[in-house]
Protein backbone atom coordinates (compact mmCIF):
# COMPACT_ATOMS: atom_id res chain seq x y z
CA UNK A 1 -0.07 0.37 0.06
CA UNK A 2 1.46 3.13 -1.22
CA UNK A 3 0.53 6.05 1.15
CA UNK A 4 -1.23 7.55 -1.60
CA UNK A 5 -2.90 4.46 -2.56
CA UNK A 6 -5.28 3.53 0.00
CA UNK A 7 -7.80 4.69 2.15
CA UNK A 8 -7.18 6.12 5.89
CA UNK A 9 -10.21 5.81 8.25
CA UNK A 10 -8.79 6.63 11.79
CA UNK A 11 -11.02 6.17 15.34
CA UNK A 12 -10.85 5.76 19.12
CA UNK A 13 -11.48 3.36 21.53
CA UNK A 14 -12.29 3.25 24.91
CA UNK A 15 -8.62 1.27 25.70
CA UNK A 16 -7.39 4.89 24.85
CA UNK A 17 -5.94 3.63 22.23
CA UNK A 18 -6.29 5.03 18.51
CA UNK A 19 -7.14 2.33 15.35
CA UNK A 20 -6.10 3.27 11.97
CA UNK A 21 -7.80 1.14 9.29
CA UNK A 22 -5.95 1.31 5.58
CA UNK A 23 -7.58 0.01 2.72
CA UNK A 24 -6.67 -0.65 -0.97
CA UNK A 25 -7.41 -3.37 -3.76
CA UNK A 26 -4.38 -5.18 -2.51
CA UNK A 27 -6.42 -5.66 1.05
CA UNK A 28 -6.35 -4.53 4.72
CA UNK A 29 -4.14 -2.99 7.00
CA UNK A 30 -5.16 -2.19 11.11
CA UNK A 31 -3.06 -0.57 13.18
CA UNK A 32 -4.10 -0.20 16.93
CA UNK A 33 -1.83 2.57 18.43
CA UNK A 34 -1.14 3.01 22.17
CA UNK A 35 0.71 6.42 23.11
CA UNK A 36 2.32 5.12 26.44
CA UNK A 37 4.49 7.77 26.89
CA UNK A 38 5.81 11.03 25.39
CA UNK A 39 7.99 9.23 22.58
CA UNK A 40 7.06 5.66 23.06
CA UNK A 41 4.31 4.00 21.27
CA UNK A 42 3.14 0.27 21.08
CA UNK A 43 0.99 -0.80 17.98
CA UNK A 44 -1.16 -3.87 17.76
CA UNK A 45 -0.40 -4.53 13.70
CA UNK A 46 -3.05 -6.78 11.86
CA UNK A 47 -2.53 -6.54 7.91
CA UNK A 48 -4.55 -8.98 5.25
CA UNK A 49 -2.42 -7.24 2.43
CA UNK A 50 1.21 -7.74 0.58
CA UNK A 51 2.57 -4.54 1.75
CA UNK A 52 3.02 -1.24 3.56
CA UNK A 53 4.35 1.67 3.89
CA UNK A 54 5.56 3.72 7.23
CA UNK A 55 7.50 7.60 6.76
CA UNK A 56 9.85 8.92 8.99
CA UNK A 57 10.02 13.02 9.18
CA UNK A 58 12.80 14.69 8.05
CA UNK A 59 15.88 14.69 11.29
CA UNK A 60 13.40 11.80 13.01
CA UNK A 61 15.71 9.09 14.54
CA UNK A 62 13.01 5.73 16.53
CA UNK A 63 13.98 2.55 17.33
CA UNK A 64 11.66 0.34 16.35
CA UNK A 65 10.79 -3.60 17.69
CA UNK A 66 9.21 -6.13 16.29
CA UNK A 67 7.62 -8.98 17.22
CA UNK A 68 5.85 -11.85 14.88
CA UNK A 69 2.64 -13.52 16.29
CA UNK A 70 1.23 -15.10 13.03
CA UNK A 71 2.45 -14.81 9.33
CA UNK A 72 5.66 -13.52 7.91
CA UNK A 73 6.81 -10.03 7.81
CA UNK A 74 10.18 -8.90 5.81
CA UNK A 75 11.29 -5.20 6.28
CA UNK A 76 14.10 -3.33 3.87
CA UNK A 77 16.56 -1.00 5.60
CA UNK A 78 19.02 0.39 3.99
CA UNK A 79 21.86 -1.83 4.65
CA UNK A 80 19.49 -5.10 4.02
CA UNK A 81 16.04 -6.10 4.88
CA UNK A 82 14.98 -8.55 7.87
CA UNK A 83 12.10 -11.04 7.64
CA UNK A 84 10.08 -12.65 10.78
CA UNK A 85 8.19 -15.86 11.50
CA UNK A 86 5.89 -16.52 14.35
CA UNK A 87 7.56 -16.20 17.71
CA UNK A 88 10.84 -13.87 15.99
CA UNK A 89 11.97 -10.34 17.73
CA UNK A 90 14.12 -7.86 15.67
CA UNK A 91 15.08 -4.45 16.89
CA UNK A 92 16.14 -1.63 14.38
CA UNK A 93 16.87 1.87 14.25
CA UNK A 94 15.35 4.23 11.20
CA UNK A 95 16.59 7.31 10.35
CA UNK A 96 14.87 9.77 7.36
CA UNK A 97 13.05 7.25 5.40
CA UNK A 98 10.09 5.23 4.08
CA UNK A 99 10.27 1.44 5.64
CA UNK A 100 8.37 -0.89 3.09
CA UNK A 101 7.12 -4.10 5.03
CA UNK A 102 6.14 -7.35 3.00
CA UNK A 103 3.64 -9.22 3.86
CA UNK A 104 4.20 -12.84 1.75
CA UNK A 105 1.13 -14.79 3.28
CA UNK A 106 -1.04 -11.59 2.78
CA UNK A 107 -1.45 -11.93 6.45
CA UNK A 108 0.59 -10.89 9.62
CA UNK A 109 -0.32 -9.89 13.19
CA UNK A 110 2.63 -8.46 15.50
CA UNK A 111 3.46 -6.17 17.77
CA UNK A 112 6.06 -3.32 17.24
CA UNK A 113 7.71 -0.93 20.05
CA UNK A 114 8.85 2.44 18.20
CA UNK A 115 11.02 4.73 20.70
CA UNK A 116 11.52 8.25 19.28
CA UNK A 117 14.91 8.52 20.48
CA UNK A 118 14.84 12.88 20.49
CA UNK A 119 11.98 13.06 22.69
CA UNK A 120 11.25 9.22 24.53
CA UNK A 121 13.10 9.01 28.38
CA UNK A 122 16.72 8.65 27.49
CA UNK A 123 17.09 6.42 31.07
CA UNK A 124 14.06 4.33 32.47
CA UNK A 125 16.08 4.87 36.36
CA UNK A 126 13.11 7.18 36.62
CA UNK A 127 10.45 5.17 36.90
CA UNK A 128 12.02 2.75 38.81
CA UNK A 129 15.52 3.73 41.02
CA UNK A 130 17.66 0.45 40.28
CA UNK A 131 16.80 0.17 36.94
CA UNK A 132 19.19 1.99 34.78
CA UNK A 133 17.94 0.74 31.12
CA UNK A 134 18.93 2.93 27.79
CA UNK A 135 16.96 2.33 24.82
CA UNK A 136 19.35 3.92 22.86
CA UNK A 137 22.42 1.65 24.16
CA UNK A 138 20.28 -1.36 23.99
CA UNK A 139 19.21 -0.55 20.11
CA UNK A 140 23.15 0.09 19.96
CA UNK A 141 24.51 -2.82 21.18
CA UNK A 142 22.55 -5.18 20.05
CA UNK A 143 22.64 -3.86 16.05
CA UNK A 144 26.63 -2.80 16.20
CA UNK A 145 27.11 -0.70 13.60
CA UNK A 146 23.90 -2.06 11.21
CA UNK A 147 20.32 -0.44 11.67
CA UNK A 148 19.00 -3.80 12.72
CA UNK A 149 19.11 -7.08 14.86
CA UNK A 150 16.96 -10.03 14.38
CA UNK A 151 16.56 -12.54 17.18
CA UNK A 152 14.27 -16.13 16.39
CA UNK A 153 12.37 -17.88 17.67
CA UNK A 154 13.01 -17.83 21.91
CA UNK A 155 11.27 -19.05 24.24
CA UNK A 156 12.19 -15.98 26.91
CA UNK A 157 10.94 -13.60 24.21
CA UNK A 158 8.08 -15.30 23.09
CA UNK A 159 6.54 -15.70 27.35
CA UNK A 160 6.48 -12.11 27.47
CA UNK A 161 4.62 -11.14 24.20
CA UNK A 162 2.28 -13.33 24.87
CA UNK A 163 1.45 -11.92 27.93
CA UNK A 164 1.22 -8.51 25.65
CA UNK A 165 -1.05 -10.24 23.41
CA UNK A 166 -3.20 -11.11 25.96
CA UNK A 167 -3.82 -8.06 28.52
CA UNK A 168 -5.13 -9.61 31.51
CA UNK A 169 -6.53 -6.03 33.42
CA UNK A 170 -8.24 -2.72 33.02
CA UNK A 171 -5.51 -0.76 32.97
CA UNK A 172 -3.92 -1.56 29.26
CA UNK A 173 -1.57 1.58 29.18
CA UNK A 174 -0.45 0.85 32.45
CA UNK A 175 0.28 -2.57 31.85
CA UNK A 176 1.67 -2.03 28.63
CA UNK A 177 4.14 0.49 30.21
CA UNK A 178 5.93 -2.63 32.49
CA UNK A 179 5.79 -4.89 29.44
CA UNK A 180 7.54 -1.98 27.43
CA UNK A 181 10.47 -2.09 30.31
CA UNK A 182 10.14 -5.80 31.07
CA UNK A 183 11.61 -6.23 27.33
CA UNK A 184 13.77 -3.79 27.35
CA UNK A 185 15.62 -5.04 30.73
CA UNK A 186 15.90 -8.29 29.09
CA UNK A 187 17.42 -6.87 25.91
CA UNK A 188 20.18 -4.58 27.54
CA UNK A 189 20.99 -8.24 28.39
CA UNK A 190 21.12 -10.45 25.52
CA UNK A 191 24.63 -11.11 24.09
CA UNK A 192 24.24 -10.26 19.57
CA UNK A 193 26.79 -13.38 19.22
CA UNK A 194 24.78 -15.71 20.85
CA UNK A 195 21.20 -14.84 18.22
CA UNK A 196 23.00 -14.06 14.70
């Protein structure tokens, strides 16, 4: 779906999310976006199409963490591309570009966590005093000079995300904040060499 080719419908949900529905002749995509805190969003992505595009604004630098629950997703970056199958996770650093997401099965369900490095908290120790997690350091360590890093299906990733697909309480946004912090803490301890 090129940006100019699809119809966009925006709506609000009672759980505090904003829902964006994109429809064109090739299919549809729905993004349920939760603004968790300044510069950090969590998006449930449901796609029944062959491709989708997202754009970063000029001067914007983002960290995106993708988890595939169902289907398959391929994503192009400036230095290559990655593909995700169920249970896989990728972390990417995006600057001033258009990203193309390809869904070869015309079916994809997953979560994307987006961190705008210019406005998001630099360190999360202000939320939990003894947790010193810095998103840009986590991304830089894992990507190691590349623009993305992939972790193939691991039980510790699957355990964390399975809970995010079924929020067990009414405090959806608060729950997601805790899970994002937990994910970043887990990723800060991942050895990139063991996950290539």
